Amino acid sequence: MSESAVASIRNRIWLVYLGAGLIVGVLYYVGPEWMRSGWVFNLVGFSAVVAAAVGPAIHKSKDRDAWYLFTFGLALFLAGDVVTYHPTIWFKTGNAPFPCIGDLFYVLVYPVLMAGVLVLARRRSPGRDRAALIDSLIITIGIGVL
């Protein structure tokens, strides 16, 4: 395969992912009953983890470290979903207890995603800008309180 053909595939692979996502989304509403299962939901979550890991590697992004933090955050969210949506496997009951290990995974998502955002922000404007950090924390905490 020529270099231009590989580059063309690399630049259009997101269209395949988008198309597959649209098909799964439509089948969720009009498809068979098994399309609304927890396993399909977890498969969609897993595809997001793979996409977040593969995308920066394919495009040789200089922000790969931030994207890998986002990937880890998505993986934690997926782990929370797997535990929460399949309680008979993990807890031998019909419902997940509260609190459960799935809740821990969900809570750990936020600091990991924030670390990724901070890596991106730090790369955008290197150096110390405490005023901007305080401003963004005020807005974030204010929205979080709501």
N, C-alpha and C. Protein backbone atom coordinates (compact mmCIF):
# COMPACT_ATOMS: atom_id res chain seq x y z
N MET A 1 0.83 -1.18 0.00
CA MET A 1 0.00 0.00 0.00
C MET A 1 0.88 1.24 0.00
N SER A 2 0.50 2.22 -0.75
CA SER A 2 1.30 3.44 -0.82
C SER A 2 1.11 4.29 0.43
N GLU A 3 2.04 5.19 0.63
CA GLU A 3 1.98 6.07 1.80
C GLU A 3 0.74 6.96 1.77
N SER A 4 0.34 7.41 0.58
CA SER A 4 -0.85 8.27 0.48
C SER A 4 -2.12 7.49 0.79
N ALA A 5 -2.16 6.21 0.41
CA ALA A 5 -3.33 5.38 0.73
C ALA A 5 -3.44 5.17 2.23
N VAL A 6 -2.32 4.93 2.88
CA VAL A 6 -2.32 4.75 4.34
C VAL A 6 -2.75 6.04 5.02
N ALA A 7 -2.25 7.17 4.53
CA ALA A 7 -2.63 8.46 5.11
C ALA A 7 -4.12 8.72 4.90
N SER A 8 -4.66 8.34 3.76
CA SER A 8 -6.08 8.53 3.49
C SER A 8 -6.93 7.70 4.45
N ILE A 9 -6.53 6.46 4.67
CA ILE A 9 -7.26 5.60 5.61
C ILE A 9 -7.15 6.17 7.02
N ARG A 10 -5.97 6.60 7.38
CA ARG A 10 -5.74 7.15 8.71
C ARG A 10 -6.60 8.39 8.94
N ASN A 11 -6.76 9.22 7.93
CA ASN A 11 -7.54 10.45 8.08
C ASN A 11 -9.04 10.21 8.03
N ARG A 12 -9.48 9.05 7.56
CA ARG A 12 -10.92 8.80 7.44
C ARG A 12 -11.43 7.73 8.39
N ILE A 13 -10.59 7.17 9.22
CA ILE A 13 -11.03 6.08 10.09
C ILE A 13 -12.09 6.55 11.09
N TRP A 14 -12.08 7.83 11.43
CA TRP A 14 -13.08 8.36 12.34
C TRP A 14 -14.47 8.26 11.71
N LEU A 15 -14.56 8.31 10.39
CA LEU A 15 -15.86 8.17 9.72
C LEU A 15 -16.43 6.77 9.92
N VAL A 16 -15.56 5.77 9.90
CA VAL A 16 -16.00 4.40 10.15
C VAL A 16 -16.52 4.28 11.58
N TYR A 17 -15.79 4.85 12.52
CA TYR A 17 -16.21 4.81 13.93
C TYR A 17 -17.53 5.56 14.12
N LEU A 18 -17.65 6.71 13.49
CA LEU A 18 -18.89 7.48 13.57
C LEU A 18 -20.06 6.70 12.98
N GLY A 19 -19.84 6.10 11.82
CA GLY A 19 -20.90 5.31 11.18
C GLY A 19 -21.33 4.13 12.04
N ALA A 20 -20.36 3.42 12.61
CA ALA A 20 -20.69 2.29 13.48
C ALA A 20 -21.46 2.77 14.71
N GLY A 21 -21.06 3.90 15.26
CA GLY A 21 -21.77 4.45 16.41
C GLY A 21 -23.20 4.84 16.07
N LEU A 22 -23.40 5.41 14.90
CA LEU A 22 -24.76 5.77 14.48
C LEU A 22 -25.62 4.53 14.28
N ILE A 23 -25.05 3.50 13.70
CA ILE A 23 -25.80 2.26 13.50
C ILE A 23 -26.21 1.65 14.84
N VAL A 24 -25.26 1.58 15.76
CA VAL A 24 -25.57 1.02 17.09
C VAL A 24 -26.60 1.89 17.80
N GLY A 25 -26.49 3.21 17.64
CA GLY A 25 -27.46 4.11 18.26
C GLY A 25 -28.87 3.91 17.72
N VAL A 26 -29.00 3.75 16.43
CA VAL A 26 -30.32 3.51 15.83
C VAL A 26 -30.84 2.14 16.26
N LEU A 27 -29.98 1.12 16.23
CA LEU A 27 -30.41 -0.21 16.64
C LEU A 27 -30.82 -0.27 18.10
N TYR A 28 -30.26 0.61 18.91
CA TYR A 28 -30.67 0.66 20.32
C TYR A 28 -32.17 0.96 20.44
N TYR A 29 -32.67 1.84 19.57
CA TYR A 29 -34.08 2.22 19.64
C TYR A 29 -35.00 1.33 18.82
N VAL A 30 -34.55 0.87 17.66
CA VAL A 30 -35.46 0.13 16.78
C VAL A 30 -35.02 -1.32 16.56
N GLY A 31 -33.92 -1.72 17.12
CA GLY A 31 -33.38 -3.06 16.89
C GLY A 31 -33.93 -4.08 17.86
N PRO A 32 -33.35 -5.25 17.83
CA PRO A 32 -33.80 -6.32 18.72
C PRO A 32 -33.54 -5.99 20.19
N GLU A 33 -34.21 -6.72 21.04
CA GLU A 33 -34.14 -6.48 22.50
C GLU A 33 -32.71 -6.60 23.03
N TRP A 34 -31.93 -7.53 22.49
CA TRP A 34 -30.58 -7.73 23.03
C TRP A 34 -29.68 -6.52 22.79
N MET A 35 -30.06 -5.63 21.87
CA MET A 35 -29.26 -4.42 21.64
C MET A 35 -29.35 -3.44 22.81
N ARG A 36 -30.34 -3.63 23.68
CA ARG A 36 -30.50 -2.76 24.84
C ARG A 36 -29.94 -3.40 26.11
N SER A 37 -29.02 -4.32 25.95
CA SER A 37 -28.46 -5.01 27.11
C SER A 37 -27.24 -4.27 27.65
N GLY A 38 -26.88 -4.61 28.86
CA GLY A 38 -25.70 -4.03 29.48
C GLY A 38 -24.42 -4.37 28.75
N TRP A 39 -24.38 -5.55 28.11
CA TRP A 39 -23.17 -5.95 27.40
C TRP A 39 -22.93 -5.08 26.18
N VAL A 40 -23.99 -4.73 25.46
CA VAL A 40 -23.82 -3.85 24.30
C VAL A 40 -23.39 -2.47 24.78
N PHE A 41 -23.99 -2.01 25.88
CA PHE A 41 -23.61 -0.74 26.47
C PHE A 41 -22.13 -0.74 26.84
N ASN A 42 -21.66 -1.83 27.43
CA ASN A 42 -20.25 -1.93 27.79
C ASN A 42 -19.35 -2.02 26.56
N LEU A 43 -19.83 -2.64 25.50
CA LEU A 43 -19.06 -2.71 24.25
C LEU A 43 -18.87 -1.31 23.66
N VAL A 44 -19.90 -0.49 23.73
CA VAL A 44 -19.78 0.90 23.25
C VAL A 44 -18.76 1.65 24.10
N GLY A 45 -18.82 1.46 25.42
CA GLY A 45 -17.83 2.09 26.30
C GLY A 45 -16.42 1.62 26.01
N PHE A 46 -16.26 0.34 25.73
CA PHE A 46 -14.94 -0.19 25.40
C PHE A 46 -14.43 0.40 24.09
N SER A 47 -15.34 0.60 23.13
CA SER A 47 -14.91 1.19 21.86
C SER A 47 -14.40 2.61 22.07
N ALA A 48 -14.98 3.34 23.02
CA ALA A 48 -14.49 4.69 23.31
C ALA A 48 -13.09 4.65 23.91
N VAL A 49 -12.84 3.68 24.77
CA VAL A 49 -11.50 3.53 25.36
C VAL A 49 -10.48 3.23 24.27
N VAL A 50 -10.83 2.31 23.37
CA VAL A 50 -9.92 1.96 22.28
C VAL A 50 -9.69 3.17 21.36
N ALA A 51 -10.76 3.89 21.03
CA ALA A 51 -10.62 5.05 20.15
C ALA A 51 -9.74 6.12 20.78
N ALA A 52 -9.90 6.34 22.08
CA ALA A 52 -9.09 7.36 22.75
C ALA A 52 -7.63 6.95 22.85
N ALA A 53 -7.36 5.65 22.84
CA ALA A 53 -5.97 5.19 22.89
C ALA A 53 -5.34 5.15 21.50
N VAL A 54 -6.11 4.73 20.51
CA VAL A 54 -5.58 4.54 19.17
C VAL A 54 -5.45 5.88 18.41
N GLY A 55 -6.41 6.77 18.61
CA GLY A 55 -6.42 8.04 17.87
C GLY A 55 -5.13 8.83 17.99
N PRO A 56 -4.67 9.14 19.19
CA PRO A 56 -3.42 9.89 19.31
C PRO A 56 -2.21 9.14 18.78
N ALA A 57 -2.23 7.82 18.87
CA ALA A 57 -1.11 7.04 18.35
C ALA A 57 -1.09 7.08 16.82
N ILE A 58 -2.26 6.99 16.20
CA ILE A 58 -2.33 7.03 14.73
C ILE A 58 -1.88 8.39 14.21
N HIS A 59 -2.32 9.44 14.88
CA HIS A 59 -2.03 10.79 14.40
C HIS A 59 -0.75 11.37 14.98
N LYS A 60 -0.03 10.56 15.75
CA LYS A 60 1.25 10.98 16.33
C LYS A 60 1.13 12.33 17.04
N SER A 61 0.11 12.43 17.88
CA SER A 61 -0.17 13.67 18.58
C SER A 61 0.92 13.97 19.60
N LYS A 62 1.26 15.24 19.72
CA LYS A 62 2.24 15.63 20.75
C LYS A 62 1.60 15.64 22.13
N ASP A 63 0.28 15.57 22.18
CA ASP A 63 -0.45 15.57 23.45
C ASP A 63 -0.86 14.16 23.86
N ARG A 64 -0.08 13.17 23.47
CA ARG A 64 -0.45 11.79 23.78
C ARG A 64 -0.59 11.52 25.27
N ASP A 65 0.25 12.14 26.09
CA ASP A 65 0.16 11.90 27.52
C ASP A 65 -1.20 12.34 28.07
N ALA A 66 -1.72 13.46 27.62
CA ALA A 66 -3.04 13.91 28.06
C ALA A 66 -4.12 12.95 27.55
N TRP A 67 -3.99 12.53 26.31
CA TRP A 67 -4.99 11.61 25.74
C TRP A 67 -4.94 10.26 26.45
N TYR A 68 -3.78 9.83 26.89
CA TYR A 68 -3.71 8.57 27.63
C TYR A 68 -4.35 8.72 29.01
N LEU A 69 -4.28 9.90 29.60
CA LEU A 69 -5.02 10.13 30.84
C LEU A 69 -6.53 10.08 30.58
N PHE A 70 -6.97 10.67 29.47
CA PHE A 70 -8.39 10.59 29.11
C PHE A 70 -8.80 9.13 28.88
N THR A 71 -7.92 8.37 28.24
CA THR A 71 -8.20 6.96 28.01
C THR A 71 -8.34 6.21 29.33
N PHE A 72 -7.45 6.50 30.27
CA PHE A 72 -7.53 5.86 31.58
C PHE A 72 -8.82 6.25 32.29
N GLY A 73 -9.22 7.53 32.17
CA GLY A 73 -10.49 7.96 32.76
C GLY A 73 -11.68 7.23 32.15
N LEU A 74 -11.68 7.07 30.84
CA LEU A 74 -12.75 6.33 30.18
C LEU A 74 -12.75 4.86 30.61
N ALA A 75 -11.57 4.30 30.80
CA ALA A 75 -11.47 2.90 31.24
C ALA A 75 -12.01 2.76 32.66
N LEU A 76 -11.75 3.73 33.52
CA LEU A 76 -12.32 3.69 34.87
C LEU A 76 -13.84 3.77 34.82
N PHE A 77 -14.35 4.64 33.94
CA PHE A 77 -15.81 4.76 33.79
C PHE A 77 -16.39 3.44 33.28
N LEU A 78 -15.72 2.83 32.34
CA LEU A 78 -16.16 1.53 31.82
C LEU A 78 -16.15 0.48 32.92
N ALA A 79 -15.12 0.49 33.75
CA ALA A 79 -15.05 -0.47 34.86
C ALA A 79 -16.22 -0.26 35.81
N GLY A 80 -16.56 0.99 36.08
CA GLY A 80 -17.73 1.26 36.92
C GLY A 80 -19.01 0.75 36.29
N ASP A 81 -19.15 0.93 34.99
CA ASP A 81 -20.34 0.43 34.28
C ASP A 81 -20.41 -1.09 34.32
N VAL A 82 -19.28 -1.75 34.09
CA VAL A 82 -19.28 -3.21 34.09
C VAL A 82 -19.69 -3.74 35.45
N VAL A 83 -19.18 -3.16 36.51
CA VAL A 83 -19.53 -3.61 37.85
C VAL A 83 -20.99 -3.29 38.17
N THR A 84 -21.44 -2.09 37.83
CA THR A 84 -22.78 -1.65 38.19
C THR A 84 -23.87 -2.34 37.36
N TYR A 85 -23.63 -2.53 36.07
CA TYR A 85 -24.66 -3.09 35.20
C TYR A 85 -24.70 -4.62 35.20
N HIS A 86 -23.79 -5.27 35.87
CA HIS A 86 -23.78 -6.73 35.94
C HIS A 86 -23.61 -7.18 37.39
N PRO A 87 -24.56 -6.81 38.27
CA PRO A 87 -24.39 -7.13 39.69
C PRO A 87 -24.44 -8.62 40.00
N THR A 88 -25.11 -9.42 39.17
CA THR A 88 -25.17 -10.85 39.46
C THR A 88 -23.80 -11.50 39.32
N ILE A 89 -22.95 -10.96 38.49
CA ILE A 89 -21.59 -11.51 38.33
C ILE A 89 -20.73 -11.13 39.53
N TRP A 90 -20.85 -9.89 39.98
CA TRP A 90 -19.93 -9.37 41.00
C TRP A 90 -20.44 -9.54 42.42
N PHE A 91 -21.77 -9.46 42.62
CA PHE A 91 -22.30 -9.45 43.99
C PHE A 91 -23.27 -10.59 44.28
N LYS A 92 -23.58 -11.40 43.28
CA LYS A 92 -24.51 -12.53 43.42
C LYS A 92 -25.89 -12.07 43.86
N THR A 93 -26.26 -10.82 43.55
CA THR A 93 -27.59 -10.30 43.86
C THR A 93 -28.14 -9.64 42.60
N GLY A 94 -29.41 -9.26 42.65
CA GLY A 94 -30.05 -8.62 41.51
C GLY A 94 -29.67 -7.17 41.36
N ASN A 95 -29.24 -6.53 42.43
CA ASN A 95 -28.85 -5.12 42.38
C ASN A 95 -27.48 -4.92 43.02
N ALA A 96 -26.76 -3.94 42.52
CA ALA A 96 -25.48 -3.60 43.13
C ALA A 96 -25.73 -2.90 44.46
N PRO A 97 -25.00 -3.28 45.50
CA PRO A 97 -25.18 -2.60 46.79
C PRO A 97 -24.67 -1.18 46.71
N PHE A 98 -25.08 -0.38 47.67
CA PHE A 98 -24.56 0.98 47.74
C PHE A 98 -23.88 1.16 49.07
N PRO A 99 -22.70 1.64 49.11
CA PRO A 99 -21.75 1.86 48.01
C PRO A 99 -21.13 0.55 47.58
N CYS A 100 -20.63 0.53 46.36
CA CYS A 100 -19.95 -0.66 45.85
C CYS A 100 -18.66 -0.22 45.15
N ILE A 101 -17.90 -1.18 44.71
CA ILE A 101 -16.62 -0.88 44.05
C ILE A 101 -16.84 -0.10 42.76
N GLY A 102 -17.98 -0.28 42.13
CA GLY A 102 -18.29 0.49 40.92
C GLY A 102 -18.32 1.98 41.20
N ASP A 103 -18.83 2.36 42.37
CA ASP A 103 -18.86 3.78 42.73
C ASP A 103 -17.45 4.35 42.88
N LEU A 104 -16.53 3.54 43.38
CA LEU A 104 -15.15 3.99 43.49
C LEU A 104 -14.56 4.28 42.11
N PHE A 105 -14.85 3.39 41.16
CA PHE A 105 -14.37 3.62 39.79
C PHE A 105 -14.94 4.92 39.23
N TYR A 106 -16.24 5.14 39.45
CA TYR A 106 -16.86 6.36 38.94
C TYR A 106 -16.24 7.62 39.54
N VAL A 107 -15.96 7.58 40.82
CA VAL A 107 -15.39 8.75 41.49
C VAL A 107 -13.95 9.00 41.03
N LEU A 108 -13.20 7.95 40.76
CA LEU A 108 -11.82 8.11 40.31
C LEU A 108 -11.71 8.68 38.90
N VAL A 109 -12.80 8.62 38.14
CA VAL A 109 -12.79 9.16 36.78
C VAL A 109 -12.43 10.64 36.79
N TYR A 110 -13.02 11.39 37.70
CA TYR A 110 -12.91 12.85 37.66
C TYR A 110 -11.50 13.37 37.89
N PRO A 111 -10.77 12.90 38.90
CA PRO A 111 -9.40 13.42 39.04
C PRO A 111 -8.50 13.03 37.86
N VAL A 112 -8.73 11.87 37.28
CA VAL A 112 -7.90 11.45 36.14
C VAL A 112 -8.20 12.34 34.93
N LEU A 113 -9.48 12.61 34.65
CA LEU A 113 -9.82 13.50 33.54
C LEU A 113 -9.31 14.91 33.79
N MET A 114 -9.40 15.38 35.02
CA MET A 114 -8.89 16.73 35.33
C MET A 114 -7.38 16.79 35.15
N ALA A 115 -6.69 15.71 35.47
CA ALA A 115 -5.24 15.68 35.25
C ALA A 115 -4.94 15.80 33.76
N GLY A 116 -5.73 15.15 32.92
CA GLY A 116 -5.55 15.28 31.48
C GLY A 116 -5.79 16.70 31.00
N VAL A 117 -6.83 17.33 31.52
CA VAL A 117 -7.12 18.72 31.15
C VAL A 117 -5.99 19.63 31.61
N LEU A 118 -5.47 19.40 32.81
CA LEU A 118 -4.37 20.22 33.31
C LEU A 118 -3.11 20.04 32.46
N VAL A 119 -2.86 18.82 31.99
CA VAL A 119 -1.70 18.59 31.12
C VAL A 119 -1.86 19.41 29.83
N LEU A 120 -3.07 19.38 29.26
CA LEU A 120 -3.31 20.16 28.04
C LEU A 120 -3.17 21.66 28.31
N ALA A 121 -3.72 22.12 29.41
CA ALA A 121 -3.65 23.55 29.74
C ALA A 121 -2.21 23.97 30.00
N ARG A 122 -1.47 23.13 30.66
CA ARG A 122 -0.06 23.44 30.97
C ARG A 122 0.77 23.53 29.69
N ARG A 123 0.47 22.64 28.76
CA ARG A 123 1.20 22.64 27.49
C ARG A 123 0.84 23.88 26.67
N ARG A 124 -0.41 24.32 26.77
CA ARG A 124 -0.86 25.49 26.01
C ARG A 124 -0.16 26.75 26.47
N SER A 125 -0.01 26.88 27.78
CA SER A 125 0.65 28.08 28.30
C SER A 125 1.59 27.66 29.43
N PRO A 126 2.83 27.34 29.07
CA PRO A 126 3.79 26.92 30.10
C PRO A 126 4.10 28.08 31.05
N GLY A 127 4.51 27.70 32.23
CA GLY A 127 4.79 28.70 33.25
C GLY A 127 3.69 28.71 34.29
N ARG A 128 3.86 29.52 35.27
CA ARG A 128 2.87 29.57 36.36
C ARG A 128 1.92 30.73 36.14
N ASP A 129 0.65 30.42 36.16
CA ASP A 129 -0.39 31.43 36.04
C ASP A 129 -1.43 31.12 37.10
N ARG A 130 -1.09 31.47 38.33
CA ARG A 130 -1.96 31.15 39.47
C ARG A 130 -3.33 31.82 39.35
N ALA A 131 -3.38 33.01 38.82
CA ALA A 131 -4.66 33.71 38.70
C ALA A 131 -5.61 32.94 37.79
N ALA A 132 -5.12 32.44 36.67
CA ALA A 132 -5.97 31.67 35.75
C ALA A 132 -6.39 30.35 36.40
N LEU A 133 -5.49 29.72 37.15
CA LEU A 133 -5.83 28.49 37.85
C LEU A 133 -6.93 28.73 38.87
N ILE A 134 -6.81 29.78 39.65
CA ILE A 134 -7.82 30.10 40.66
C ILE A 134 -9.15 30.41 40.00
N ASP A 135 -9.13 31.19 38.91
CA ASP A 135 -10.36 31.50 38.19
C ASP A 135 -11.05 30.23 37.69
N SER A 136 -10.28 29.33 37.09
CA SER A 136 -10.88 28.11 36.57
C SER A 136 -11.39 27.21 37.69
N LEU A 137 -10.69 27.19 38.83
CA LEU A 137 -11.17 26.40 39.96
C LEU A 137 -12.48 26.98 40.52
N ILE A 138 -12.59 28.29 40.58
CA ILE A 138 -13.83 28.91 41.05
C ILE A 138 -14.99 28.51 40.17
N ILE A 139 -14.81 28.59 38.85
CA ILE A 139 -15.88 28.23 37.94
C ILE A 139 -16.20 26.74 38.04
N THR A 140 -15.19 25.91 38.09
CA THR A 140 -15.40 24.45 38.17
C THR A 140 -16.13 24.07 39.44
N ILE A 141 -15.70 24.60 40.56
CA ILE A 141 -16.34 24.30 41.84
C ILE A 141 -17.76 24.83 41.86
N GLY A 142 -17.95 26.04 41.32
CA GLY A 142 -19.30 26.61 41.26
C GLY A 142 -20.26 25.74 40.46
N ILE A 143 -19.81 25.27 39.32
CA ILE A 143 -20.66 24.39 38.49
C ILE A 143 -20.87 23.06 39.20
N GLY A 144 -19.80 22.55 39.84
CA GLY A 144 -19.92 21.28 40.56
C GLY A 144 -20.91 21.35 41.71
N VAL A 145 -20.99 22.49 42.37
CA VAL A 145 -21.92 22.65 43.49
C VAL A 145 -23.37 22.60 42.98
N LEU A 146 -23.60 23.21 41.82
CA LEU A 146 -24.96 23.17 41.24
C LEU A 146 -25.35 21.77 40.89
